PDB file of all heavy atoms in Angstrom:
ATOM      1  N   PRO A   1      79.172  58.527 113.539  1.00  0.00           N
ATOM      2  CA  PRO A   1      78.388  57.227 113.566  1.00  0.00           C
ATOM      3  C   PRO A   1      77.493  57.318 114.843  1.00  0.00           C
ATOM      4  O   PRO A   1      77.689  58.223 115.711  1.00  0.00           O
ATOM      5  CB  PRO A   1      79.434  56.276 113.781  1.00  0.00           C
ATOM      6  CG  PRO A   1      80.678  57.024 114.207  1.00  0.00           C
ATOM      7  CD  PRO A   1      80.562  58.367 113.739  1.00  0.00           C
ATOM      8  N   PRO A   2      76.448  56.460 114.939  1.00  0.00           N
ATOM      9  CA  PRO A   2      75.638  56.479 116.149  1.00  0.00           C
ATOM     10  C   PRO A   2      76.313  56.121 117.404  1.00  0.00           C
ATOM     11  O   PRO A   2      77.406  55.544 117.324  1.00  0.00           O
ATOM     12  CB  PRO A   2      74.518  55.414 115.747  1.00  0.00           C
ATOM     13  CG  PRO A   2      75.256  54.608 114.823  1.00  0.00           C
ATOM     14  CD  PRO A   2      76.130  55.470 113.920  1.00  0.00           C
ATOM     15  N   ALA A   3      75.803  56.521 118.454  1.00  0.00           N
ATOM     16  CA  ALA A   3      76.485  56.267 119.793  1.00  0.00           C
ATOM     17  C   ALA A   3      76.401  54.776 120.075  1.00  0.00           C
ATOM     18  O   ALA A   3      75.499  54.034 119.814  1.00  0.00           O
ATOM     19  CB  ALA A   3      75.664  57.057 120.849  1.00  0.00           C
ATOM     20  N   GLU A   4      77.488  54.333 120.797  1.00  0.00           N
ATOM     21  CA  GLU A   4      77.507  52.993 121.225  1.00  0.00           C
ATOM     22  C   GLU A   4      77.645  52.889 122.703  1.00  0.00           C
ATOM     23  O   GLU A   4      78.367  53.779 123.317  1.00  0.00           O
ATOM     24  CB  GLU A   4      78.766  52.263 120.600  1.00  0.00           C
ATOM     25  CG  GLU A   4      78.651  52.163 119.061  1.00  0.00           C
ATOM     26  CD  GLU A   4      79.749  51.368 118.491  1.00  0.00           C
ATOM     27  OE1 GLU A   4      80.646  50.881 119.211  1.00  0.00           O
ATOM     28  OE2 GLU A   4      79.872  51.106 117.233  1.00  0.00           O
ATOM     29  N   TRP A   5      77.065  51.984 123.362  1.00  0.00           N
ATOM     30  CA  TRP A   5      77.165  51.791 124.802  1.00  0.00           C
ATOM     31  C   TRP A   5      78.578  51.129 125.216  1.00  0.00           C
ATOM     32  O   TRP A   5      78.923  50.129 124.597  1.00  0.00           O
ATOM     33  CB  TRP A   5      75.983  50.909 125.378  1.00  0.00           C
ATOM     34  CG  TRP A   5      74.738  51.644 125.349  1.00  0.00           C
ATOM     35  CD1 TRP A   5      73.700  51.486 124.376  1.00  0.00           C
ATOM     36  CD2 TRP A   5      74.236  52.654 126.235  1.00  0.00           C
ATOM     37  NE1 TRP A   5      72.631  52.264 124.617  1.00  0.00           N
ATOM     38  CE2 TRP A   5      72.938  53.026 125.813  1.00  0.00           C
ATOM     39  CE3 TRP A   5      74.769  53.248 127.379  1.00  0.00           C
ATOM     40  CZ2 TRP A   5      72.185  53.964 126.455  1.00  0.00           C
ATOM     41  CZ3 TRP A   5      74.006  54.157 128.109  1.00  0.00           C
ATOM     42  CH2 TRP A   5      72.791  54.501 127.632  1.00  0.00           C
ATOM     43  N   VAL A   6      79.248  51.799 126.047  1.00  0.00           N
ATOM     44  CA  VAL A   6      80.569  51.420 126.512  1.00  0.00           C
ATOM     45  C   VAL A   6      80.479  51.210 127.990  1.00  0.00           C
ATOM     46  O   VAL A   6      80.272  52.099 128.823  1.00  0.00           O
ATOM     47  CB  VAL A   6      81.658  52.465 126.119  1.00  0.00           C
ATOM     48  CG1 VAL A   6      83.108  51.949 126.538  1.00  0.00           C
ATOM     49  CG2 VAL A   6      81.645  52.689 124.634  1.00  0.00           C
ATOM     50  N   VAL A   7      80.844  49.980 128.464  1.00  0.00           N
ATOM     51  CA  VAL A   7      80.896  49.696 129.900  1.00  0.00           C
ATOM     52  C   VAL A   7      82.099  50.372 130.488  1.00  0.00           C
ATOM     53  O   VAL A   7      83.221  50.328 129.916  1.00  0.00           O
ATOM     54  CB  VAL A   7      80.939  48.186 130.105  1.00  0.00           C
ATOM     55  CG1 VAL A   7      81.098  47.778 131.621  1.00  0.00           C
ATOM     56  CG2 VAL A   7      79.702  47.465 129.569  1.00  0.00           C
ATOM     57  N   GLN A   8      81.940  51.088 131.537  1.00  0.00           N
ATOM     58  CA  GLN A   8      83.003  51.870 132.208  1.00  0.00           C
ATOM     59  C   GLN A   8      83.812  50.847 133.073  1.00  0.00           C
ATOM     60  O   GLN A   8      83.305  49.953 133.695  1.00  0.00           O
ATOM     61  CB  GLN A   8      82.452  52.987 133.034  1.00  0.00           C
ATOM     62  CG  GLN A   8      81.724  53.990 132.116  1.00  0.00           C
ATOM     63  CD  GLN A   8      82.622  54.615 131.063  1.00  0.00           C
ATOM     64  OE1 GLN A   8      83.456  55.298 131.419  1.00  0.00           O
ATOM     65  NE2 GLN A   8      82.390  54.230 129.802  1.00  0.00           N
ATOM     66  N   GLU A   9      85.078  51.192 133.188  1.00  0.00           N
ATOM     67  CA  GLU A   9      86.030  50.422 134.028  1.00  0.00           C
ATOM     68  C   GLU A   9      85.732  50.543 135.568  1.00  0.00           C
ATOM     69  O   GLU A   9      85.874  49.602 136.333  1.00  0.00           O
ATOM     70  CB  GLU A   9      87.461  50.808 133.714  1.00  0.00           C
ATOM     71  CG  GLU A   9      87.939  50.525 132.370  1.00  0.00           C
ATOM     72  CD  GLU A   9      89.366  50.905 132.123  1.00  0.00           C
ATOM     73  OE1 GLU A   9      90.036  51.401 133.088  1.00  0.00           O
ATOM     74  OE2 GLU A   9      89.894  50.703 130.976  1.00  0.00           O
ATOM     75  N   GLN A  10      85.287  51.677 135.964  1.00  0.00           N
ATOM     76  CA  GLN A  10      85.043  51.913 137.353  1.00  0.00           C
ATOM     77  C   GLN A  10      83.617  51.622 137.672  1.00  0.00           C
ATOM     78  O   GLN A  10      82.649  51.893 136.954  1.00  0.00           O
ATOM     79  CB  GLN A  10      85.414  53.253 137.787  1.00  0.00           C
ATOM     80  CG  GLN A  10      86.908  53.531 137.713  1.00  0.00           C
ATOM     81  CD  GLN A  10      87.364  54.855 138.399  1.00  0.00           C
ATOM     82  OE1 GLN A  10      86.663  55.280 139.336  1.00  0.00           O
ATOM     83  NE2 GLN A  10      88.429  55.437 137.924  1.00  0.00           N
ATOM     84  N   GLY A  11      83.359  51.097 138.901  1.00  0.00           N
ATOM     85  CA  GLY A  11      82.011  50.787 139.431  1.00  0.00           C
ATOM     86  C   GLY A  11      82.032  50.804 140.916  1.00  0.00           C
ATOM     87  O   GLY A  11      83.005  51.167 141.479  1.00  0.00           O
ATOM     88  N   THR A  12      80.772  50.511 141.458  1.00  0.00           N
ATOM     89  CA  THR A  12      80.682  50.456 142.922  1.00  0.00           C
ATOM     90  C   THR A  12      80.344  49.024 143.405  1.00  0.00           C
ATOM     91  O   THR A  12      80.221  48.202 142.544  1.00  0.00           O
ATOM     92  CB  THR A  12      79.695  51.442 143.444  1.00  0.00           C
ATOM     93  OG1 THR A  12      78.384  50.935 143.041  1.00  0.00           O
ATOM     94  CG2 THR A  12      79.949  52.826 142.793  1.00  0.00           C
ATOM     95  N   ALA A  13      80.225  48.804 144.600  1.00  0.00           N
ATOM     96  CA  ALA A  13      79.802  47.444 145.117  1.00  0.00           C
ATOM     97  C   ALA A  13      78.472  47.044 144.680  1.00  0.00           C
ATOM     98  O   ALA A  13      78.125  45.970 144.596  1.00  0.00           O
ATOM     99  CB  ALA A  13      79.924  47.477 146.637  1.00  0.00           C
ATOM    100  N   HIS A  14      77.609  48.053 144.335  1.00  0.00           N
ATOM    101  CA  HIS A  14      76.214  47.768 143.972  1.00  0.00           C
ATOM    102  C   HIS A  14      75.917  48.086 142.505  1.00  0.00           C
ATOM    103  O   HIS A  14      74.940  47.593 141.992  1.00  0.00           O
ATOM    104  CB  HIS A  14      75.302  48.664 144.880  1.00  0.00           C
ATOM    105  CG  HIS A  14      75.426  48.370 146.335  1.00  0.00           C
ATOM    106  ND1 HIS A  14      76.201  49.067 147.147  1.00  0.00           N
ATOM    107  CD2 HIS A  14      74.901  47.448 147.179  1.00  0.00           C
ATOM    108  CE1 HIS A  14      76.175  48.689 148.319  1.00  0.00           C
ATOM    109  NE2 HIS A  14      75.383  47.654 148.390  1.00  0.00           N
ATOM    110  N   PHE A  15      76.784  48.881 141.798  1.00  0.00           N
ATOM    111  CA  PHE A  15      76.380  49.231 140.495  1.00  0.00           C
ATOM    112  C   PHE A  15      77.590  49.201 139.512  1.00  0.00           C
ATOM    113  O   PHE A  15      78.770  49.359 139.869  1.00  0.00           O
ATOM    114  CB  PHE A  15      75.913  50.725 140.429  1.00  0.00           C
ATOM    115  CG  PHE A  15      74.747  51.029 141.405  1.00  0.00           C
ATOM    116  CD1 PHE A  15      74.914  51.716 142.510  1.00  0.00           C
ATOM    117  CD2 PHE A  15      73.457  50.574 141.136  1.00  0.00           C
ATOM    118  CE1 PHE A  15      73.845  52.008 143.413  1.00  0.00           C
ATOM    119  CE2 PHE A  15      72.394  50.752 141.935  1.00  0.00           C
ATOM    120  CZ  PHE A  15      72.539  51.495 143.097  1.00  0.00           C
ATOM    121  N   THR A  16      77.205  48.906 138.271  1.00  0.00           N
ATOM    122  CA  THR A  16      78.184  49.147 137.190  1.00  0.00           C
ATOM    123  C   THR A  16      77.541  50.210 136.243  1.00  0.00           C
ATOM    124  O   THR A  16      76.416  50.480 136.431  1.00  0.00           O
ATOM    125  CB  THR A  16      78.412  47.862 136.389  1.00  0.00           C
ATOM    126  OG1 THR A  16      77.104  47.487 135.846  1.00  0.00           O
ATOM    127  CG2 THR A  16      78.958  46.731 137.246  1.00  0.00           C
ATOM    128  N   PHE A  17      78.352  50.724 135.448  1.00  0.00           N
ATOM    129  CA  PHE A  17      77.901  51.856 134.561  1.00  0.00           C
ATOM    130  C   PHE A  17      78.294  51.795 133.169  1.00  0.00           C
ATOM    131  O   PHE A  17      79.311  51.075 132.825  1.00  0.00           O
ATOM    132  CB  PHE A  17      78.589  53.211 135.129  1.00  0.00           C
ATOM    133  CG  PHE A  17      78.392  53.426 136.626  1.00  0.00           C
ATOM    134  CD1 PHE A  17      79.353  53.106 137.499  1.00  0.00           C
ATOM    135  CD2 PHE A  17      77.194  53.885 137.124  1.00  0.00           C
ATOM    136  CE1 PHE A  17      79.206  53.235 138.925  1.00  0.00           C
ATOM    137  CE2 PHE A  17      76.996  54.077 138.468  1.00  0.00           C
ATOM    138  CZ  PHE A  17      77.919  53.819 139.398  1.00  0.00           C
ATOM    139  N   ALA A  18      77.461  52.278 132.254  1.00  0.00           N
ATOM    140  CA  ALA A  18      77.656  52.345 130.837  1.00  0.00           C
ATOM    141  C   ALA A  18      77.337  53.709 130.349  1.00  0.00           C
ATOM    142  O   ALA A  18      76.418  54.307 130.793  1.00  0.00           O
ATOM    143  CB  ALA A  18      76.917  51.205 130.168  1.00  0.00           C
ATOM    144  N   LEU A  19      78.147  54.158 129.297  1.00  0.00           N
ATOM    145  CA  LEU A  19      77.911  55.378 128.728  1.00  0.00           C
ATOM    146  C   LEU A  19      77.676  55.155 127.202  1.00  0.00           C
ATOM    147  O   LEU A  19      78.281  54.379 126.552  1.00  0.00           O
ATOM    148  CB  LEU A  19      79.101  56.333 128.827  1.00  0.00           C
ATOM    149  CG  LEU A  19      79.383  56.906 130.235  1.00  0.00           C
ATOM    150  CD1 LEU A  19      80.690  57.573 130.309  1.00  0.00           C
ATOM    151  CD2 LEU A  19      78.247  57.770 130.726  1.00  0.00           C
ATOM    152  N   ALA A  20      76.633  55.927 126.659  1.00  0.00           N
ATOM    153  CA  ALA A  20      76.436  55.964 125.181  1.00  0.00           C
ATOM    154  C   ALA A  20      77.380  57.087 124.709  1.00  0.00           C
ATOM    155  O   ALA A  20      77.238  58.258 124.931  1.00  0.00           O
ATOM    156  CB  ALA A  20      74.984  56.335 124.919  1.00  0.00           C
ATOM    157  N   ILE A  21      78.296  56.604 123.895  1.00  0.00           N
ATOM    158  CA  ILE A  21      79.426  57.461 123.434  1.00  0.00           C
ATOM    159  C   ILE A  21      79.504  57.539 121.906  1.00  0.00           C
ATOM    160  O   ILE A  21      79.366  56.557 121.267  1.00  0.00           O
ATOM    161  CB  ILE A  21      80.801  56.943 124.024  1.00  0.00           C
ATOM    162  CG1 ILE A  21      80.800  57.096 125.531  1.00  0.00           C
ATOM    163  CG2 ILE A  21      81.948  57.752 123.488  1.00  0.00           C
ATOM    164  CD1 ILE A  21      82.042  56.557 126.213  1.00  0.00           C
ATOM    165  N   THR A  22      79.654  58.800 121.459  1.00  0.00           N
ATOM    166  CA  THR A  22      79.812  58.990 120.029  1.00  0.00           C
ATOM    167  C   THR A  22      81.213  59.460 119.719  1.00  0.00           C
ATOM    168  O   THR A  22      81.691  60.342 120.341  1.00  0.00           O
ATOM    169  CB  THR A  22      78.823  60.063 119.467  1.00  0.00           C
ATOM    170  OG1 THR A  22      77.494  59.641 119.808  1.00  0.00           O
ATOM    171  CG2 THR A  22      78.956  60.348 117.953  1.00  0.00           C
ATOM    172  N   PRO A  23      82.006  58.804 118.819  1.00  0.00           N
ATOM    173  CA  PRO A  23      83.311  59.319 118.423  1.00  0.00           C
ATOM    174  C   PRO A  23      83.193  60.593 117.589  1.00  0.00           C
ATOM    175  O   PRO A  23      82.325  60.781 116.868  1.00  0.00           O
ATOM    176  CB  PRO A  23      83.813  58.148 117.619  1.00  0.00           C
ATOM    177  CG  PRO A  23      82.635  57.425 117.138  1.00  0.00           C
ATOM    178  CD  PRO A  23      81.639  57.588 118.156  1.00  0.00           C
ATOM    179  N   ASP A  24      84.237  61.440 117.823  1.00  0.00           N
ATOM    180  CA  ASP A  24      84.155  62.726 117.121  1.00  0.00           C
ATOM    181  C   ASP A  24      85.161  62.702 115.894  1.00  0.00           C
ATOM    182  O   ASP A  24      85.755  61.674 115.721  1.00  0.00           O
ATOM    183  CB  ASP A  24      84.637  63.923 118.137  1.00  0.00           C
ATOM    184  CG  ASP A  24      83.946  65.211 117.674  1.00  0.00           C
ATOM    185  OD1 ASP A  24      83.640  65.347 116.521  1.00  0.00           O
ATOM    186  OD2 ASP A  24      83.771  66.069 118.574  1.00  0.00           O
ATOM    187  N   PHE A  25      85.154  63.716 115.145  1.00  0.00           N
ATOM    188  CA  PHE A  25      86.047  63.706 114.011  1.00  0.00           C
ATOM    189  C   PHE A  25      87.530  63.771 114.356  1.00  0.00           C
ATOM    190  O   PHE A  25      88.351  63.330 113.521  1.00  0.00           O
ATOM    191  CB  PHE A  25      85.734  64.859 113.041  1.00  0.00           C
ATOM    192  CG  PHE A  25      84.241  64.871 112.578  1.00  0.00           C
ATOM    193  CD1 PHE A  25      83.275  65.650 113.072  1.00  0.00           C
ATOM    194  CD2 PHE A  25      83.952  63.904 111.661  1.00  0.00           C
ATOM    195  CE1 PHE A  25      82.004  65.665 112.603  1.00  0.00           C
ATOM    196  CE2 PHE A  25      82.570  63.839 111.220  1.00  0.00           C
ATOM    197  CZ  PHE A  25      81.627  64.661 111.710  1.00  0.00           C
ATOM    198  N   ASP A  26      87.928  64.373 115.422  1.00  0.00           N
ATOM    199  CA  ASP A  26      89.321  64.568 115.730  1.00  0.00           C
ATOM    200  C   ASP A  26      89.841  63.625 116.845  1.00  0.00           C
ATOM    201  O   ASP A  26      90.792  63.881 117.459  1.00  0.00           O
ATOM    202  CB  ASP A  26      89.605  66.034 116.216  1.00  0.00           C
ATOM    203  CG  ASP A  26      88.757  66.439 117.421  1.00  0.00           C
ATOM    204  OD1 ASP A  26      87.947  65.571 117.798  1.00  0.00           O
ATOM    205  OD2 ASP A  26      88.981  67.521 117.910  1.00  0.00           O
ATOM    206  N   GLY A  27      89.248  62.430 117.042  1.00  0.00           N
ATOM    207  CA  GLY A  27      89.676  61.467 117.918  1.00  0.00           C
ATOM    208  C   GLY A  27      89.106  61.619 119.371  1.00  0.00           C
ATOM    209  O   GLY A  27      89.399  60.901 120.260  1.00  0.00           O
TER     210      GLY A  27
END
């Protein structure tokens, strides 16, 4: 399936982060 943006648990005092993640066939 297409990648989905996932907000990451860790961040800094100035920034948050998100990753475009694609699930694979084997988990």
